[in-house]
Every structure is written in structure tokens, then in C-alpha cells.
PDB file of N, CA and C in Angstrom:
ATOM      1  N   MET A   1      50.415 151.482 131.148  1.00  0.00           N
ATOM      2  CA  MET A   1      49.779 150.795 130.046  1.00  0.00           C
ATOM      3  C   MET A   1      50.793 150.025 129.212  1.00  0.00           C
ATOM      4  N   LEU A   2      51.955 150.606 129.000  1.00  0.00           N
ATOM      5  CA  LEU A   2      52.967 149.953 128.172  1.00  0.00           C
ATOM      6  C   LEU A   2      53.379 148.612 128.777  1.00  0.00           C
ATOM      7  N   LEU A   3      53.551 148.578 130.080  1.00  0.00           N
ATOM      8  CA  LEU A   3      53.917 147.328 130.742  1.00  0.00           C
ATOM      9  C   LEU A   3      52.835 146.275 130.496  1.00  0.00           C
ATOM     10  N   GLY A   4      51.596 146.649 130.650  1.00  0.00           N
ATOM     11  CA  GLY A   4      50.500 145.709 130.447  1.00  0.00           C
ATOM     12  C   GLY A   4      50.463 145.159 129.036  1.00  0.00           C
ATOM     13  N   ARG A   5      50.613 146.034 128.054  1.00  0.00           N
ATOM     14  CA  ARG A   5      50.618 145.587 126.647  1.00  0.00           C
ATOM     15  C   ARG A   5      51.798 144.661 126.375  1.00  0.00           C
ATOM     16  N   ASN A   6      52.949 144.998 126.941  1.00  0.00           N
ATOM     17  CA  ASN A   6      54.125 144.146 126.751  1.00  0.00           C
ATOM     18  C   ASN A   6      53.940 142.788 127.421  1.00  0.00           C
ATOM     19  N   LEU A   7      53.326 142.772 128.590  1.00  0.00           N
ATOM     20  CA  LEU A   7      53.057 141.499 129.260  1.00  0.00           C
ATOM     21  C   LEU A   7      52.170 140.606 128.400  1.00  0.00           C
ATOM     22  N   VAL A   8      51.110 141.183 127.857  1.00  0.00           N
ATOM     23  CA  VAL A   8      50.197 140.420 127.002  1.00  0.00           C
ATOM     24  C   VAL A   8      50.952 139.886 125.784  1.00  0.00           C
ATOM     25  N   ARG A   9      51.728 140.735 125.141  1.00  0.00           N
ATOM     26  CA  ARG A   9      52.465 140.337 123.936  1.00  0.00           C
ATOM     27  C   ARG A   9      53.442 139.205 124.243  1.00  0.00           C
ATOM     28  N   LEU A  10      54.216 139.363 125.301  1.00  0.00           N
ATOM     29  CA  LEU A  10      55.207 138.347 125.651  1.00  0.00           C
ATOM     30  C   LEU A  10      54.548 137.046 126.088  1.00  0.00           C
ATOM     31  N   ARG A  11      53.474 137.159 126.836  1.00  0.00           N
ATOM     32  CA  ARG A  11      52.744 135.964 127.277  1.00  0.00           C
ATOM     33  C   ARG A  11      52.166 135.232 126.070  1.00  0.00           C
ATOM     34  N   ASP A  12      51.579 135.975 125.146  1.00  0.00           N
ATOM     35  CA  ASP A  12      51.013 135.375 123.930  1.00  0.00           C
ATOM     36  C   ASP A  12      52.094 134.723 123.074  1.00  0.00           C
ATOM     37  N   GLN A  13      53.246 135.361 122.957  1.00  0.00           N
ATOM     38  CA  GLN A  13      54.351 134.790 122.182  1.00  0.00           C
ATOM     39  C   GLN A  13      54.780 133.440 122.745  1.00  0.00           C
ATOM     40  N   ARG A  14      54.655 133.307 124.041  1.00  0.00           N
ATOM     41  CA  ARG A  14      55.049 132.060 124.703  1.00  0.00           C
ATOM     42  C   ARG A  14      53.875 131.096 124.856  1.00  0.00           C
ATOM     43  N   ARG A  15      52.751 131.497 124.289  1.00  0.00           N
ATOM     44  CA  ARG A  15      51.528 130.681 124.315  1.00  0.00           C
ATOM     45  C   ARG A  15      51.148 130.274 125.733  1.00  0.00           C
ATOM     46  N   MET A  16      51.217 131.245 126.636  1.00  0.00           N
ATOM     47  CA  MET A  16      50.850 131.009 128.035  1.00  0.00           C
ATOM     48  C   MET A  16      49.510 131.664 128.316  1.00  0.00           C
ATOM     49  N   THR A  17      48.732 131.029 129.147  1.00  0.00           N
ATOM     50  CA  THR A  17      47.496 131.651 129.619  1.00  0.00           C
ATOM     51  C   THR A  17      47.836 132.574 130.784  1.00  0.00           C
ATOM     52  N   GLN A  18      46.903 133.449 131.105  1.00  0.00           N
ATOM     53  CA  GLN A  18      47.095 134.291 132.285  1.00  0.00           C
ATOM     54  C   GLN A  18      47.239 133.425 133.524  1.00  0.00           C
ATOM     55  N   GLU A  19      46.446 132.396 133.601  1.00  0.00           N
ATOM     56  CA  GLU A  19      46.479 131.506 134.769  1.00  0.00           C
ATOM     57  C   GLU A  19      47.848 130.853 134.927  1.00  0.00           C
ATOM     58  N   ALA A  20      48.410 130.367 133.812  1.00  0.00           N
ATOM     59  CA  ALA A  20      49.709 129.703 133.870  1.00  0.00           C
ATOM     60  C   ALA A  20      50.811 130.675 134.273  1.00  0.00           C
ATOM     61  N   LEU A  21      50.817 131.859 133.677  1.00  0.00           N
ATOM     62  CA  LEU A  21      51.841 132.846 134.014  1.00  0.00           C
ATOM     63  C   LEU A  21      51.721 133.270 135.470  1.00  0.00           C
ATOM     64  N   ALA A  22      50.507 133.531 135.904  1.00  0.00           N
ATOM     65  CA  ALA A  22      50.295 133.951 137.292  1.00  0.00           C
ATOM     66  C   ALA A  22      50.774 132.876 138.265  1.00  0.00           C
ATOM     67  N   GLU A  23      50.438 131.637 137.986  1.00  0.00           N
ATOM     68  CA  GLU A  23      50.846 130.546 138.876  1.00  0.00           C
ATOM     69  C   GLU A  23      52.362 130.427 138.937  1.00  0.00           C
ATOM     70  N   LYS A  24      53.011 130.465 137.776  1.00  0.00           N
ATOM     71  CA  LYS A  24      54.476 130.324 137.744  1.00  0.00           C
ATOM     72  C   LYS A  24      55.180 131.519 138.377  1.00  0.00           C
ATOM     73  N   ALA A  25      54.568 132.702 138.301  1.00  0.00           N
ATOM     74  CA  ALA A  25      55.169 133.905 138.889  1.00  0.00           C
ATOM     75  C   ALA A  25      54.752 134.086 140.348  1.00  0.00           C
ATOM     76  N   ASP A  26      53.920 133.172 140.836  1.00  0.00           N
ATOM     77  CA  ASP A  26      53.456 133.195 142.227  1.00  0.00           C
ATOM     78  C   ASP A  26      52.685 134.475 142.558  1.00  0.00           C
ATOM     79  N   ILE A  27      51.800 134.868 141.627  1.00  0.00           N
ATOM     80  CA  ILE A  27      50.896 135.989 141.860  1.00  0.00           C
ATOM     81  C   ILE A  27      49.487 135.517 141.508  1.00  0.00           C
ATOM     82  N   SER A  28      48.488 136.256 141.928  1.00  0.00           N
ATOM     83  CA  SER A  28      47.123 135.840 141.626  1.00  0.00           C
ATOM     84  C   SER A  28      46.770 136.171 140.176  1.00  0.00           C
ATOM     85  N   HIS A  29      45.860 135.399 139.662  1.00  0.00           N
ATOM     86  CA  HIS A  29      45.372 135.618 138.302  1.00  0.00           C
ATOM     87  C   HIS A  29      44.740 136.998 138.187  1.00  0.00           C
ATOM     88  N   ARG A  30      43.984 137.404 139.176  1.00  0.00           N
ATOM     89  CA  ARG A  30      43.332 138.721 139.151  1.00  0.00           C
ATOM     90  C   ARG A  30      44.352 139.859 139.175  1.00  0.00           C
ATOM     91  N   TYR A  31      45.417 139.666 139.914  1.00  0.00           N
ATOM     92  CA  TYR A  31      46.467 140.691 139.952  1.00  0.00           C
ATOM     93  C   TYR A  31      47.120 140.809 138.570  1.00  0.00           C
ATOM     94  N   LEU A  32      47.395 139.674 137.926  1.00  0.00           N
ATOM     95  CA  LEU A  32      47.965 139.702 136.579  1.00  0.00           C
ATOM     96  C   LEU A  32      47.008 140.386 135.607  1.00  0.00           C
ATOM     97  N   GLN A  33      45.721 140.107 135.723  1.00  0.00           N
ATOM     98  CA  GLN A  33      44.723 140.775 134.881  1.00  0.00           C
ATOM     99  C   GLN A  33      44.809 142.286 135.064  1.00  0.00           C
ATOM    100  N   SER A  34      44.933 142.730 136.306  1.00  0.00           N
ATOM    101  CA  SER A  34      45.026 144.165 136.596  1.00  0.00           C
ATOM    102  C   SER A  34      46.300 144.772 136.021  1.00  0.00           C
ATOM    103  N   LEU A  35      47.388 144.031 136.078  1.00  0.00           N
ATOM    104  CA  LEU A  35      48.647 144.517 135.500  1.00  0.00           C
ATOM    105  C   LEU A  35      48.509 144.666 133.992  1.00  0.00           C
ATOM    106  N   GLU A  36      47.953 143.647 133.348  1.00  0.00           N
ATOM    107  CA  GLU A  36      47.806 143.687 131.894  1.00  0.00           C
ATOM    108  C   GLU A  36      46.845 144.783 131.444  1.00  0.00           C
ATOM    109  N   ALA A  37      45.868 145.088 132.274  1.00  0.00           N
ATOM    110  CA  ALA A  37      44.894 146.136 131.945  1.00  0.00           C
ATOM    111  C   ALA A  37      45.425 147.527 132.285  1.00  0.00           C
ATOM    112  N   GLY A  38      46.584 147.593 132.934  1.00  0.00           N
ATOM    113  CA  GLY A  38      47.159 148.880 133.304  1.00  0.00           C
ATOM    114  C   GLY A  38      46.513 149.505 134.529  1.00  0.00           C
ATOM    115  N   LYS A  39      45.802 148.704 135.300  1.00  0.00           N
ATOM    116  CA  LYS A  39      45.116 149.215 136.487  1.00  0.00           C
ATOM    117  C   LYS A  39      45.996 149.208 137.734  1.00  0.00           C
ATOM    118  N   LYS A  40      47.059 148.423 137.704  1.00  0.00           N
ATOM    119  CA  LYS A  40      47.972 148.333 138.843  1.00  0.00           C
ATOM    120  C   LYS A  40      49.401 148.459 138.354  1.00  0.00           C
ATOM    121  N   GLN A  41      50.267 148.902 139.238  1.00  0.00           N
ATOM    122  CA  GLN A  41      51.699 148.993 138.973  1.00  0.00           C
ATOM    123  C   GLN A  41      52.407 147.966 139.855  1.00  0.00           C
ATOM    124  N   PRO A  42      53.196 147.084 139.269  1.00  0.00           N
ATOM    125  CA  PRO A  42      53.850 146.038 140.055  1.00  0.00           C
ATOM    126  C   PRO A  42      55.073 146.549 140.804  1.00  0.00           C
ATOM    127  N   SER A  43      55.390 145.846 141.868  1.00  0.00           N
ATOM    128  CA  SER A  43      56.642 146.130 142.573  1.00  0.00           C
ATOM    129  C   SER A  43      57.786 145.578 141.731  1.00  0.00           C
ATOM    130  N   ILE A  44      58.994 145.967 142.053  1.00  0.00           N
ATOM    131  CA  ILE A  44      60.159 145.460 141.331  1.00  0.00           C
ATOM    132  C   ILE A  44      60.280 143.949 141.524  1.00  0.00           C
ATOM    133  N   ASN A  45      59.838 143.450 142.676  1.00  0.00           N
ATOM    134  CA  ASN A  45      59.879 142.005 142.916  1.00  0.00           C
ATOM    135  C   ASN A  45      58.958 141.263 141.958  1.00  0.00           C
ATOM    136  N   VAL A  46      57.774 141.791 141.736  1.00  0.00           N
ATOM    137  CA  VAL A  46      56.827 141.157 140.817  1.00  0.00           C
ATOM    138  C   VAL A  46      57.355 141.234 139.390  1.00  0.00           C
ATOM    139  N   VAL A  47      57.917 142.369 139.014  1.00  0.00           N
ATOM    140  CA  VAL A  47      58.506 142.502 137.673  1.00  0.00           C
ATOM    141  C   VAL A  47      59.595 141.451 137.490  1.00  0.00           C
ATOM    142  N   THR A  48      60.412 141.267 138.499  1.00  0.00           N
ATOM    143  CA  THR A  48      61.484 140.277 138.434  1.00  0.00           C
ATOM    144  C   THR A  48      60.920 138.874 138.295  1.00  0.00           C
ATOM    145  N   GLN A  49      59.899 138.543 139.072  1.00  0.00           N
ATOM    146  CA  GLN A  49      59.269 137.221 138.995  1.00  0.00           C
ATOM    147  C   GLN A  49      58.722 136.983 137.585  1.00  0.00           C
ATOM    148  N   LEU A  50      58.018 137.955 137.047  1.00  0.00           N
ATOM    149  CA  LEU A  50      57.442 137.819 135.705  1.00  0.00           C
ATOM    150  C   LEU A  50      58.544 137.686 134.657  1.00  0.00           C
ATOM    151  N   ARG A  51      59.578 138.482 134.794  1.00  0.00           N
ATOM    152  CA  ARG A  51      60.692 138.452 133.850  1.00  0.00           C
ATOM    153  C   ARG A  51      61.347 137.076 133.828  1.00  0.00           C
ATOM    154  N   VAL A  52      61.543 136.494 134.988  1.00  0.00           N
ATOM    155  CA  VAL A  52      62.171 135.172 135.068  1.00  0.00           C
ATOM    156  C   VAL A  52      61.277 134.134 134.402  1.00  0.00           C
ATOM    157  N   VAL A  53      59.998 134.176 134.680  1.00  0.00           N
ATOM    158  CA  VAL A  53      59.065 133.182 134.121  1.00  0.00           C
ATOM    159  C   VAL A  53      58.995 133.284 132.596  1.00  0.00           C
ATOM    160  N   ILE A  54      58.948 134.487 132.072  1.00  0.00           N
ATOM    161  CA  ILE A  54      58.834 134.629 130.618  1.00  0.00           C
ATOM    162  C   ILE A  54      60.204 134.724 129.933  1.00  0.00           C
ATOM    163  N   ASN A  55      61.263 134.610 130.751  1.00  0.00           N
ATOM    164  CA  ASN A  55      62.631 134.585 130.239  1.00  0.00           C
ATOM    165  C   ASN A  55      62.918 135.824 129.377  1.00  0.00           C
ATOM    166  N   GLN A  56      62.678 136.973 129.948  1.00  0.00           N
ATOM    167  CA  GLN A  56      62.845 138.240 129.224  1.00  0.00           C
ATOM    168  C   GLN A  56      63.817 139.131 129.994  1.00  0.00           C
ATOM    169  N   PRO A  57      64.827 139.673 129.313  1.00  0.00           N
ATOM    170  CA  PRO A  57      65.728 140.622 129.980  1.00  0.00           C
ATOM    171  C   PRO A  57      64.972 141.843 130.494  1.00  0.00           C
ATOM    172  N   LEU A  58      65.429 142.405 131.569  1.00  0.00           N
ATOM    173  CA  LEU A  58      64.783 143.565 132.171  1.00  0.00           C
ATOM    174  C   LEU A  58      64.885 144.805 131.291  1.00  0.00           C
ATOM    175  N   THR A  59      65.830 144.851 130.391  1.00  0.00           N
ATOM    176  CA  THR A  59      66.064 146.033 129.567  1.00  0.00           C
ATOM    177  C   THR A  59      65.055 146.205 128.443  1.00  0.00           C
ATOM    178  N   ARG A  60      64.221 145.247 128.160  1.00  0.00           N
ATOM    179  CA  ARG A  60      63.273 145.347 127.050  1.00  0.00           C
ATOM    180  C   ARG A  60      61.980 145.940 127.472  1.00  0.00           C
TER     181      ARG A  60
END
């Protein structure tokens, strides 16, 4: 759940839609929705892709 809440917060801070973030991270919009809702756990590769797109250090 914490990952999902943080994704929403960071995405909102950057004024990105779910669609835009998903496209830039090369994942489906539905998968991003599931991550934000805490229904799925991403692989380290997906976390890395999202981190790069939102320009966020992995330590946060």
C-alpha cells in the first residue's frame, strides 16, 4: 500500500496522469492502476522504470 500511495503522490506532484506515467514507464495503464491501489507488487525492473520516469531516487 505504501508504494501505491507514494506513486500517486509523486505522480500528482509532477502533474502526470496515470496514462502518461504508464506510457513513459512502458507499462499498461491498468497495471499502474493496480500498483497504485496496492493490488499488485512490481518487479524491481518496473520500480526502476517508474523511478527513472518520475526522477526519484530509489532510497525514498
